[in-house]
Amino acid sequence: MSRIFYIMGKSSSGKDTIYRKLLEEKEFDFHTLVPYTTRPMRSREKNGEDYFFTDEEGLCRIRKEGRLIELRSYQTVYGIWNYFTVDDGQIDLANYNYLMVGTLESYRAVRKYFGEEALAPVLIELDDGVRLQRALDREKLQENPKYAEMCRRFLADAEDFSESKIREAGIERRFQNDVLEDCLEEIRDYIRANTDKK
């Protein structure tokens, strides 16, 4: 069986950059899974690439069809935003390795759905001060910056990625993203060690 390498970390820890760089590497030939969300599309995002953007009605339909793998709902300053993974035929673990990115909560739900052996966690960590500055710099680039939501997300990360929750998820290995290339090399070695040789 192939595996899902699941990248996770607090906001602005660099997980999306690491995800994109790993996808570019031919050695791994990762397949991907596009998640779903009900939040508004940000500038530069594309429907079907970054997320499948839908609404509450679409989420209800998927739930009724029994295709919902995991769901995270956040009360933001703009209302409830949902992020979720759907069993929509994108995953074929008999033939391919996958790379996914998400939260600790979503990792646990996907692991429960597909089984512990199918998941390999990749927890990215970075100093909180560096993360906050990155988040602010990124938000400034948005057409309509949402600073209040940025702050809410930053504070929520402390609880979402608490030490007790990391332990409960059974995650022992962590990757420090102080220097991107060093972090990537550690992750590459981890992937090689946890990939079935076909």
Protein backbone atom coordinates (compact mmCIF):
# COMPACT_ATOMS: atom_id res chain seq x y z
CA MET A 1 0.00 0.00 0.00
CA SER A 2 1.13 3.52 -0.74
CA ARG A 3 0.99 6.36 1.78
CA ILE A 4 -0.40 9.81 2.38
CA PHE A 5 2.31 12.18 3.58
CA TYR A 6 0.37 14.75 5.58
CA ILE A 7 2.00 18.16 6.06
CA MET A 8 0.68 20.24 8.92
CA GLY A 9 1.71 23.17 11.07
CA LYS A 10 0.54 26.45 12.49
CA SER A 11 -0.41 29.24 10.08
CA SER A 12 2.56 30.85 8.28
CA SER A 13 4.93 28.06 9.37
CA GLY A 14 5.88 27.48 5.74
CA LYS A 15 3.84 24.32 5.22
CA ASP A 16 2.32 25.51 1.93
CA THR A 17 5.75 26.44 0.53
CA ILE A 18 7.14 23.04 1.57
CA TYR A 19 4.11 21.32 0.05
CA ARG A 20 4.62 23.09 -3.31
CA LYS A 21 8.36 22.38 -3.38
CA LEU A 22 7.87 18.68 -2.65
CA LEU A 23 5.31 18.43 -5.43
CA GLU A 24 7.90 19.78 -7.88
CA GLU A 25 10.33 16.97 -7.11
CA LYS A 26 10.18 14.19 -9.69
CA GLU A 27 11.75 11.67 -7.30
CA PHE A 28 8.54 11.32 -5.31
CA ASP A 29 5.88 11.67 -8.05
CA PHE A 30 3.23 12.62 -5.50
CA HIS A 31 -0.44 12.74 -6.34
CA THR A 32 -2.55 15.37 -4.63
CA LEU A 33 -5.99 15.81 -3.17
CA VAL A 34 -7.75 19.14 -3.54
CA PRO A 35 -9.68 19.98 -0.35
CA TYR A 36 -12.98 21.86 -0.15
CA THR A 37 -13.94 25.06 1.64
CA THR A 38 -16.87 27.39 2.10
CA ARG A 39 -14.69 30.44 2.78
CA PRO A 40 -14.36 33.15 0.12
CA MET A 41 -11.69 32.70 -2.51
CA ARG A 42 -8.57 34.81 -1.93
CA SER A 43 -6.83 36.74 -4.64
CA ARG A 44 -4.53 34.49 -6.69
CA GLU A 45 -6.41 31.32 -5.66
CA LYS A 46 -8.01 29.12 -8.32
CA ASN A 47 -11.08 26.95 -7.90
CA GLY A 48 -10.15 23.30 -8.29
CA GLU A 49 -6.46 23.94 -7.66
CA ASP A 50 -6.10 25.49 -4.20
CA TYR A 51 -9.55 24.35 -3.03
CA PHE A 52 -12.92 23.43 -4.41
CA PHE A 53 -14.91 26.45 -3.30
CA THR A 54 -18.50 25.69 -2.39
CA ASP A 55 -21.23 26.91 -0.06
CA GLU A 56 -23.22 25.52 2.86
CA GLU A 57 -25.68 23.87 0.49
CA GLY A 58 -22.83 22.05 -1.27
CA LEU A 59 -21.44 20.89 2.06
CA CYS A 60 -24.86 19.58 3.15
CA ARG A 61 -25.22 17.66 -0.11
CA ILE A 62 -21.79 16.00 0.30
CA ARG A 63 -22.60 15.08 3.90
CA LYS A 64 -25.94 13.52 2.91
CA GLU A 65 -24.18 11.50 0.22
CA GLY A 66 -21.86 10.04 2.90
CA ARG A 67 -18.70 11.27 1.17
CA LEU A 68 -17.38 13.55 3.95
CA ILE A 69 -14.00 12.32 5.27
CA GLU A 70 -13.33 15.17 7.70
CA LEU A 71 -14.71 18.62 8.48
CA ARG A 72 -13.29 21.60 10.36
CA SER A 73 -15.52 24.59 11.08
CA TYR A 74 -14.15 27.91 12.29
CA GLN A 75 -16.13 30.81 13.72
CA THR A 76 -14.36 33.73 12.06
CA VAL A 77 -15.08 37.44 12.26
CA TYR A 78 -16.79 36.95 8.87
CA GLY A 79 -18.96 34.02 9.90
CA ILE A 80 -18.39 30.25 9.86
CA TRP A 81 -15.78 28.99 7.40
CA ASN A 82 -15.68 25.24 6.73
CA TYR A 83 -12.72 23.25 5.43
CA PHE A 84 -13.23 19.62 4.51
CA THR A 85 -11.99 16.56 2.67
CA VAL A 86 -14.30 14.58 0.43
CA ASP A 87 -14.19 10.99 -0.79
CA ASP A 88 -14.64 11.99 -4.42
CA GLY A 89 -12.37 9.50 -6.18
CA GLN A 90 -9.17 11.51 -5.89
CA ILE A 91 -7.35 8.94 -3.71
CA ASP A 92 -6.10 5.53 -4.97
CA LEU A 93 -3.74 4.17 -2.30
CA ALA A 94 -3.31 0.90 -4.15
CA ASN A 95 -1.24 2.68 -6.77
CA TYR A 96 -0.04 6.13 -5.68
CA ASN A 97 1.60 8.08 -2.88
CA TYR A 98 -0.13 11.33 -1.93
CA LEU A 99 0.89 14.64 -0.45
CA MET A 100 -1.69 16.55 1.57
CA VAL A 101 -1.57 19.68 3.71
CA GLY A 102 -3.86 20.60 6.59
CA THR A 103 -4.26 20.85 10.34
CA LEU A 104 -3.59 18.44 13.17
CA GLU A 105 -7.33 17.90 13.50
CA SER A 106 -7.74 17.08 9.82
CA TYR A 107 -4.73 14.75 9.93
CA ARG A 108 -6.36 12.74 12.71
CA ALA A 109 -9.65 12.48 10.83
CA VAL A 110 -7.98 11.39 7.57
CA ARG A 111 -5.91 8.84 9.50
CA LYS A 112 -9.07 7.47 11.10
CA TYR A 113 -10.74 7.20 7.69
CA PHE A 114 -7.86 5.53 5.80
CA GLY A 115 -6.08 3.76 8.68
CA GLU A 116 -2.95 4.55 10.67
CA GLU A 117 -0.60 2.69 8.31
CA ALA A 118 -1.70 4.83 5.36
CA LEU A 119 -0.66 8.14 6.95
CA ALA A 120 2.82 9.60 7.54
CA PRO A 121 2.71 12.88 9.50
CA VAL A 122 5.00 15.82 8.64
CA LEU A 123 4.69 18.44 11.39
CA ILE A 124 6.35 21.78 10.50
CA GLU A 125 7.36 24.14 13.30
CA LEU A 126 8.65 27.72 13.34
CA ASP A 127 9.17 30.45 15.95
CA ASP A 128 5.90 32.28 16.72
CA GLY A 129 7.40 35.74 16.17
CA VAL A 130 8.62 34.80 12.70
CA ARG A 131 5.24 33.27 11.88
CA LEU A 132 3.35 36.38 12.96
CA GLN A 133 5.51 38.64 10.80
CA ARG A 134 5.06 36.33 7.80
CA ALA A 135 1.30 36.31 8.31
CA LEU A 136 1.20 40.10 8.46
CA ASP A 137 3.35 40.47 5.34
CA ARG A 138 1.12 38.02 3.45
CA GLU A 139 -2.10 39.67 4.56
CA LYS A 140 -0.87 43.07 3.39
CA LEU A 141 -0.71 41.68 -0.15
CA GLN A 142 -4.42 40.85 -0.19
CA GLU A 143 -6.78 43.19 -2.02
CA ASN A 144 -8.87 43.45 1.17
CA PRO A 145 -6.65 42.52 4.12
CA LYS A 146 -8.44 40.72 6.95
CA TYR A 147 -6.20 41.50 9.92
CA ALA A 148 -8.75 40.54 12.57
CA GLU A 149 -9.11 37.09 11.04
CA MET A 150 -5.33 36.77 10.79
CA CYS A 151 -5.04 37.45 14.55
CA ARG A 152 -7.85 35.02 15.39
CA ARG A 153 -6.13 32.29 13.37
CA PHE A 154 -2.78 32.95 15.02
CA LEU A 155 -4.25 32.68 18.53
CA ALA A 156 -6.29 29.59 17.66
CA ASP A 157 -3.13 27.80 16.54
CA ALA A 158 -1.80 27.75 20.11
CA GLU A 159 -4.74 25.56 21.15
CA ASP A 160 -5.03 23.58 17.91
CA PHE A 161 -1.36 22.56 18.05
CA SER A 162 -0.98 22.21 21.81
CA GLU A 163 1.58 19.71 23.08
CA SER A 164 -1.17 17.49 24.46
CA LYS A 165 -2.94 17.32 21.09
CA ILE A 166 0.32 16.56 19.28
CA ARG A 167 0.96 13.70 21.72
CA GLU A 168 -2.63 12.41 21.35
CA ALA A 169 -2.10 12.30 17.57
CA GLY A 170 0.94 10.09 18.10
CA ILE A 171 3.33 12.48 16.34
CA GLU A 172 6.91 12.06 17.46
CA ARG A 173 8.93 13.56 14.58
CA ARG A 174 8.93 17.33 13.98
CA PHE A 175 10.62 19.43 11.33
CA GLN A 176 12.00 22.88 12.21
CA ASN A 177 11.64 25.36 9.34
CA ASP A 178 14.31 27.84 10.46
CA VAL A 179 16.19 27.30 7.16
CA LEU A 180 13.89 26.14 4.38
CA GLU A 181 16.40 24.01 2.45
CA ASP A 182 17.61 22.24 5.60
CA CYS A 183 14.03 21.51 6.59
CA LEU A 184 13.24 20.19 3.11
CA GLU A 185 16.24 17.87 3.15
CA GLU A 186 15.14 16.36 6.47
CA ILE A 187 11.65 15.83 5.07
CA ARG A 188 13.03 14.25 1.88
CA ASP A 189 14.97 11.72 3.98
CA TYR A 190 11.84 10.99 6.04
CA ILE A 191 9.79 10.42 2.88
CA ARG A 192 12.41 8.09 1.40
CA ALA A 193 12.45 6.08 4.64
CA ASN A 194 8.64 5.79 4.66
CA THR A 195 7.92 5.08 0.99
CA ASP A 196 7.27 1.61 -0.38
CA LYS A 197 9.85 0.70 -3.00
CA LYS A 198 8.02 -0.68 -5.99
